[in-house]
Protein backbone atom coordinates (compact mmCIF):
# COMPACT_ATOMS: atom_id res chain seq x y z
CA UNK A 1 0.00 0.00 0.00
CA UNK A 2 1.37 3.41 -0.87
CA UNK A 3 0.61 6.54 1.12
CA UNK A 4 0.25 9.77 -0.82
CA UNK A 5 -0.94 13.30 0.06
CA UNK A 6 -4.72 13.49 0.17
CA UNK A 7 -5.06 9.93 1.50
CA UNK A 8 -7.98 9.58 3.90
CA UNK A 9 -6.94 9.27 7.55
CA UNK A 10 -7.02 5.64 8.55
CA UNK A 11 -5.89 3.37 11.38
CA UNK A 12 -5.22 -0.25 10.47
CA UNK A 13 -3.92 -3.34 12.25
CA UNK A 14 -0.66 -4.80 10.95
CA UNK A 15 -0.22 -8.56 10.82
CA UNK A 16 3.24 -10.14 10.84
CA UNK A 17 4.54 -8.94 7.47
CA UNK A 18 7.22 -7.03 5.59
CA UNK A 19 7.13 -3.23 5.41
CA UNK A 20 8.91 -1.18 2.74
CA UNK A 21 9.86 2.33 3.86
CA UNK A 22 10.67 4.90 1.19
CA UNK A 23 12.81 7.76 2.45
CA UNK A 24 12.68 11.34 1.16
CA UNK A 25 15.93 10.77 -0.78
CA UNK A 26 14.19 8.00 -2.78
CA UNK A 27 15.92 5.05 -1.12
CA UNK A 28 13.85 2.17 0.19
CA UNK A 29 14.55 -0.12 3.11
CA UNK A 30 12.59 -3.28 3.92
CA UNK A 31 11.68 -4.36 7.44
CA UNK A 32 9.73 -7.19 9.02
CA UNK A 33 7.22 -6.46 11.77
CA UNK A 34 5.63 -8.91 14.14
CA UNK A 35 2.47 -6.79 14.02
CA UNK A 36 1.14 -3.50 15.30
CA UNK A 37 -0.81 -0.54 14.01
CA UNK A 38 -0.43 2.01 11.23
CA UNK A 39 -1.86 5.52 11.33
CA UNK A 40 -2.16 6.87 7.78
CA UNK A 41 -2.22 10.66 7.78
CA UNK A 42 -3.92 12.71 5.08
CA UNK A 43 -0.80 14.76 4.27
CA UNK A 44 0.93 11.65 2.91
CA UNK A 45 2.81 10.34 5.94
CA UNK A 46 2.17 7.47 8.28
CA UNK A 47 3.09 6.44 11.81
CA UNK A 48 3.85 2.77 12.39
CA UNK A 49 3.70 1.33 15.91
CA UNK A 50 5.10 -2.17 16.29
CA UNK A 51 6.17 -4.50 19.06
CA UNK A 52 9.11 -5.79 17.00
CA UNK A 53 10.54 -4.53 13.73
CA UNK A 54 13.82 -5.62 12.15
CA UNK A 55 15.54 -4.92 8.85
CA UNK A 56 14.94 -7.89 6.53
CA UNK A 57 18.67 -7.94 5.83
CA UNK A 58 19.29 -9.00 9.45
CA UNK A 59 17.06 -12.08 9.27
CA UNK A 60 18.41 -15.50 8.33
CA UNK A 61 16.22 -18.24 6.84
CA UNK A 62 18.10 -21.19 8.38
CA UNK A 63 18.07 -19.72 11.89
CA UNK A 64 14.42 -18.73 11.58
CA UNK A 65 13.41 -22.23 10.45
CA UNK A 66 15.19 -23.69 13.51
CA UNK A 67 13.41 -21.22 15.79
CA UNK A 68 10.09 -22.16 14.15
CA UNK A 69 10.65 -25.87 14.90
CA UNK A 70 11.41 -25.03 18.53
CA UNK A 71 8.32 -22.80 18.77
CA UNK A 72 6.11 -25.54 17.30
CA UNK A 73 7.48 -27.95 19.90
CA UNK A 74 6.72 -25.40 22.62
CA UNK A 75 3.07 -25.33 21.48
CA UNK A 76 2.89 -29.12 21.62
CA UNK A 77 4.57 -29.32 25.03
CA UNK A 78 2.84 -26.35 26.68
CA UNK A 79 1.67 -27.13 30.22
CA UNK A 80 -0.93 -24.36 30.45
CA UNK A 81 -3.08 -22.11 28.25
CA UNK A 82 -0.93 -19.00 28.72
CA UNK A 83 2.29 -20.75 27.72
CA UNK A 84 0.54 -22.31 24.73
CA UNK A 85 -0.90 -18.95 23.59
CA UNK A 86 2.51 -17.26 23.74
CA UNK A 87 4.07 -20.13 21.77
CA UNK A 88 1.27 -19.97 19.16
CA UNK A 89 1.91 -16.25 18.62
CA UNK A 90 5.62 -16.99 18.16
CA UNK A 91 4.79 -19.70 15.60
CA UNK A 92 2.54 -17.29 13.66
CA UNK A 93 5.27 -14.65 13.48
CA UNK A 94 8.03 -17.10 12.58
CA UNK A 95 5.91 -18.73 9.86
CA UNK A 96 5.43 -15.29 8.30
CA UNK A 97 9.17 -14.54 8.51
CA UNK A 98 10.03 -17.85 6.82
CA UNK A 99 7.52 -17.19 4.04
CA UNK A 100 8.95 -13.72 3.40
CA UNK A 101 12.55 -14.94 3.40
CA UNK A 102 11.75 -17.75 0.95
CA UNK A 103 10.32 -15.29 -1.61
C-alpha atoms as a PDB file:
ATOM      1  CA  UNK A   1       0.000   0.000   0.000  1.00  0.00           C
ATOM      2  CA  UNK A   2       1.367   3.411  -0.867  1.00  0.00           C
ATOM      3  CA  UNK A   3       0.606   6.537   1.119  1.00  0.00           C
ATOM      4  CA  UNK A   4       0.253   9.773  -0.820  1.00  0.00           C
ATOM      5  CA  UNK A   5      -0.936  13.303   0.061  1.00  0.00           C
ATOM      6  CA  UNK A   6      -4.724  13.489   0.168  1.00  0.00           C
ATOM      7  CA  UNK A   7      -5.065   9.928   1.505  1.00  0.00           C
ATOM      8  CA  UNK A   8      -7.983   9.582   3.897  1.00  0.00           C
ATOM      9  CA  UNK A   9      -6.944   9.266   7.547  1.00  0.00           C
ATOM     10  CA  UNK A  10      -7.015   5.637   8.551  1.00  0.00           C
ATOM     11  CA  UNK A  11      -5.892   3.375  11.378  1.00  0.00           C
ATOM     12  CA  UNK A  12      -5.216  -0.249  10.474  1.00  0.00           C
ATOM     13  CA  UNK A  13      -3.923  -3.343  12.252  1.00  0.00           C
ATOM     14  CA  UNK A  14      -0.661  -4.796  10.945  1.00  0.00           C
ATOM     15  CA  UNK A  15      -0.223  -8.555  10.820  1.00  0.00           C
ATOM     16  CA  UNK A  16       3.237 -10.138  10.837  1.00  0.00           C
ATOM     17  CA  UNK A  17       4.540  -8.943   7.474  1.00  0.00           C
ATOM     18  CA  UNK A  18       7.223  -7.028   5.587  1.00  0.00           C
ATOM     19  CA  UNK A  19       7.128  -3.234   5.407  1.00  0.00           C
ATOM     20  CA  UNK A  20       8.914  -1.176   2.740  1.00  0.00           C
ATOM     21  CA  UNK A  21       9.859   2.332   3.860  1.00  0.00           C
ATOM     22  CA  UNK A  22      10.671   4.904   1.194  1.00  0.00           C
ATOM     23  CA  UNK A  23      12.813   7.763   2.454  1.00  0.00           C
ATOM     24  CA  UNK A  24      12.681  11.335   1.158  1.00  0.00           C
ATOM     25  CA  UNK A  25      15.926  10.770  -0.784  1.00  0.00           C
ATOM     26  CA  UNK A  26      14.186   8.005  -2.776  1.00  0.00           C
ATOM     27  CA  UNK A  27      15.921   5.050  -1.115  1.00  0.00           C
ATOM     28  CA  UNK A  28      13.849   2.165   0.185  1.00  0.00           C
ATOM     29  CA  UNK A  29      14.551  -0.124   3.114  1.00  0.00           C
ATOM     30  CA  UNK A  30      12.586  -3.279   3.922  1.00  0.00           C
ATOM     31  CA  UNK A  31      11.682  -4.359   7.444  1.00  0.00           C
ATOM     32  CA  UNK A  32       9.727  -7.194   9.023  1.00  0.00           C
ATOM     33  CA  UNK A  33       7.220  -6.456  11.772  1.00  0.00           C
ATOM     34  CA  UNK A  34       5.626  -8.911  14.144  1.00  0.00           C
ATOM     35  CA  UNK A  35       2.473  -6.794  14.022  1.00  0.00           C
ATOM     36  CA  UNK A  36       1.141  -3.503  15.305  1.00  0.00           C
ATOM     37  CA  UNK A  37      -0.812  -0.535  14.013  1.00  0.00           C
ATOM     38  CA  UNK A  38      -0.428   2.007  11.234  1.00  0.00           C
ATOM     39  CA  UNK A  39      -1.861   5.515  11.328  1.00  0.00           C
ATOM     40  CA  UNK A  40      -2.159   6.865   7.783  1.00  0.00           C
ATOM     41  CA  UNK A  41      -2.223  10.658   7.782  1.00  0.00           C
ATOM     42  CA  UNK A  42      -3.922  12.705   5.082  1.00  0.00           C
ATOM     43  CA  UNK A  43      -0.798  14.759   4.268  1.00  0.00           C
ATOM     44  CA  UNK A  44       0.927  11.652   2.905  1.00  0.00           C
ATOM     45  CA  UNK A  45       2.809  10.343   5.935  1.00  0.00           C
ATOM     46  CA  UNK A  46       2.173   7.474   8.284  1.00  0.00           C
ATOM     47  CA  UNK A  47       3.094   6.437  11.807  1.00  0.00           C
ATOM     48  CA  UNK A  48       3.846   2.768  12.387  1.00  0.00           C
ATOM     49  CA  UNK A  49       3.699   1.329  15.906  1.00  0.00           C
ATOM     50  CA  UNK A  50       5.097  -2.174  16.288  1.00  0.00           C
ATOM     51  CA  UNK A  51       6.172  -4.495  19.056  1.00  0.00           C
ATOM     52  CA  UNK A  52       9.109  -5.789  17.001  1.00  0.00           C
ATOM     53  CA  UNK A  53      10.539  -4.531  13.733  1.00  0.00           C
ATOM     54  CA  UNK A  54      13.819  -5.625  12.150  1.00  0.00           C
ATOM     55  CA  UNK A  55      15.538  -4.916   8.850  1.00  0.00           C
ATOM     56  CA  UNK A  56      14.941  -7.894   6.530  1.00  0.00           C
ATOM     57  CA  UNK A  57      18.669  -7.936   5.831  1.00  0.00           C
ATOM     58  CA  UNK A  58      19.293  -8.998   9.454  1.00  0.00           C
ATOM     59  CA  UNK A  59      17.059 -12.080   9.274  1.00  0.00           C
ATOM     60  CA  UNK A  60      18.411 -15.502   8.335  1.00  0.00           C
ATOM     61  CA  UNK A  61      16.218 -18.240   6.840  1.00  0.00           C
ATOM     62  CA  UNK A  62      18.104 -21.191   8.376  1.00  0.00           C
ATOM     63  CA  UNK A  63      18.068 -19.724  11.887  1.00  0.00           C
ATOM     64  CA  UNK A  64      14.417 -18.728  11.582  1.00  0.00           C
ATOM     65  CA  UNK A  65      13.415 -22.229  10.455  1.00  0.00           C
ATOM     66  CA  UNK A  66      15.194 -23.687  13.510  1.00  0.00           C
ATOM     67  CA  UNK A  67      13.407 -21.217  15.789  1.00  0.00           C
ATOM     68  CA  UNK A  68      10.095 -22.164  14.151  1.00  0.00           C
ATOM     69  CA  UNK A  69      10.655 -25.867  14.898  1.00  0.00           C
ATOM     70  CA  UNK A  70      11.408 -25.026  18.530  1.00  0.00           C
ATOM     71  CA  UNK A  71       8.320 -22.797  18.775  1.00  0.00           C
ATOM     72  CA  UNK A  72       6.108 -25.539  17.299  1.00  0.00           C
ATOM     73  CA  UNK A  73       7.477 -27.953  19.903  1.00  0.00           C
ATOM     74  CA  UNK A  74       6.720 -25.397  22.617  1.00  0.00           C
ATOM     75  CA  UNK A  75       3.074 -25.326  21.477  1.00  0.00           C
ATOM     76  CA  UNK A  76       2.886 -29.119  21.619  1.00  0.00           C
ATOM     77  CA  UNK A  77       4.573 -29.316  25.031  1.00  0.00           C
ATOM     78  CA  UNK A  78       2.837 -26.354  26.678  1.00  0.00           C
ATOM     79  CA  UNK A  79       1.674 -27.130  30.217  1.00  0.00           C
ATOM     80  CA  UNK A  80      -0.930 -24.362  30.448  1.00  0.00           C
ATOM     81  CA  UNK A  81      -3.082 -22.113  28.249  1.00  0.00           C
ATOM     82  CA  UNK A  82      -0.927 -19.001  28.716  1.00  0.00           C
ATOM     83  CA  UNK A  83       2.287 -20.754  27.720  1.00  0.00           C
ATOM     84  CA  UNK A  84       0.539 -22.308  24.727  1.00  0.00           C
ATOM     85  CA  UNK A  85      -0.905 -18.954  23.593  1.00  0.00           C
ATOM     86  CA  UNK A  86       2.512 -17.260  23.742  1.00  0.00           C
ATOM     87  CA  UNK A  87       4.068 -20.126  21.766  1.00  0.00           C
ATOM     88  CA  UNK A  88       1.272 -19.967  19.156  1.00  0.00           C
ATOM     89  CA  UNK A  89       1.910 -16.254  18.621  1.00  0.00           C
ATOM     90  CA  UNK A  90       5.618 -16.987  18.156  1.00  0.00           C
ATOM     91  CA  UNK A  91       4.788 -19.699  15.603  1.00  0.00           C
ATOM     92  CA  UNK A  92       2.540 -17.290  13.665  1.00  0.00           C
ATOM     93  CA  UNK A  93       5.273 -14.652  13.481  1.00  0.00           C
ATOM     94  CA  UNK A  94       8.028 -17.104  12.580  1.00  0.00           C
ATOM     95  CA  UNK A  95       5.912 -18.730   9.858  1.00  0.00           C
ATOM     96  CA  UNK A  96       5.427 -15.288   8.305  1.00  0.00           C
ATOM     97  CA  UNK A  97       9.174 -14.543   8.506  1.00  0.00           C
ATOM     98  CA  UNK A  98      10.030 -17.854   6.822  1.00  0.00           C
ATOM     99  CA  UNK A  99       7.515 -17.186   4.038  1.00  0.00           C
ATOM    100  CA  UNK A 100       8.953 -13.720   3.397  1.00  0.00           C
ATOM    101  CA  UNK A 101      12.554 -14.942   3.405  1.00  0.00           C
ATOM    102  CA  UNK A 102      11.750 -17.745   0.947  1.00  0.00           C
ATOM    103  CA  UNK A 103      10.318 -15.293  -1.613  1.00  0.00           C
END
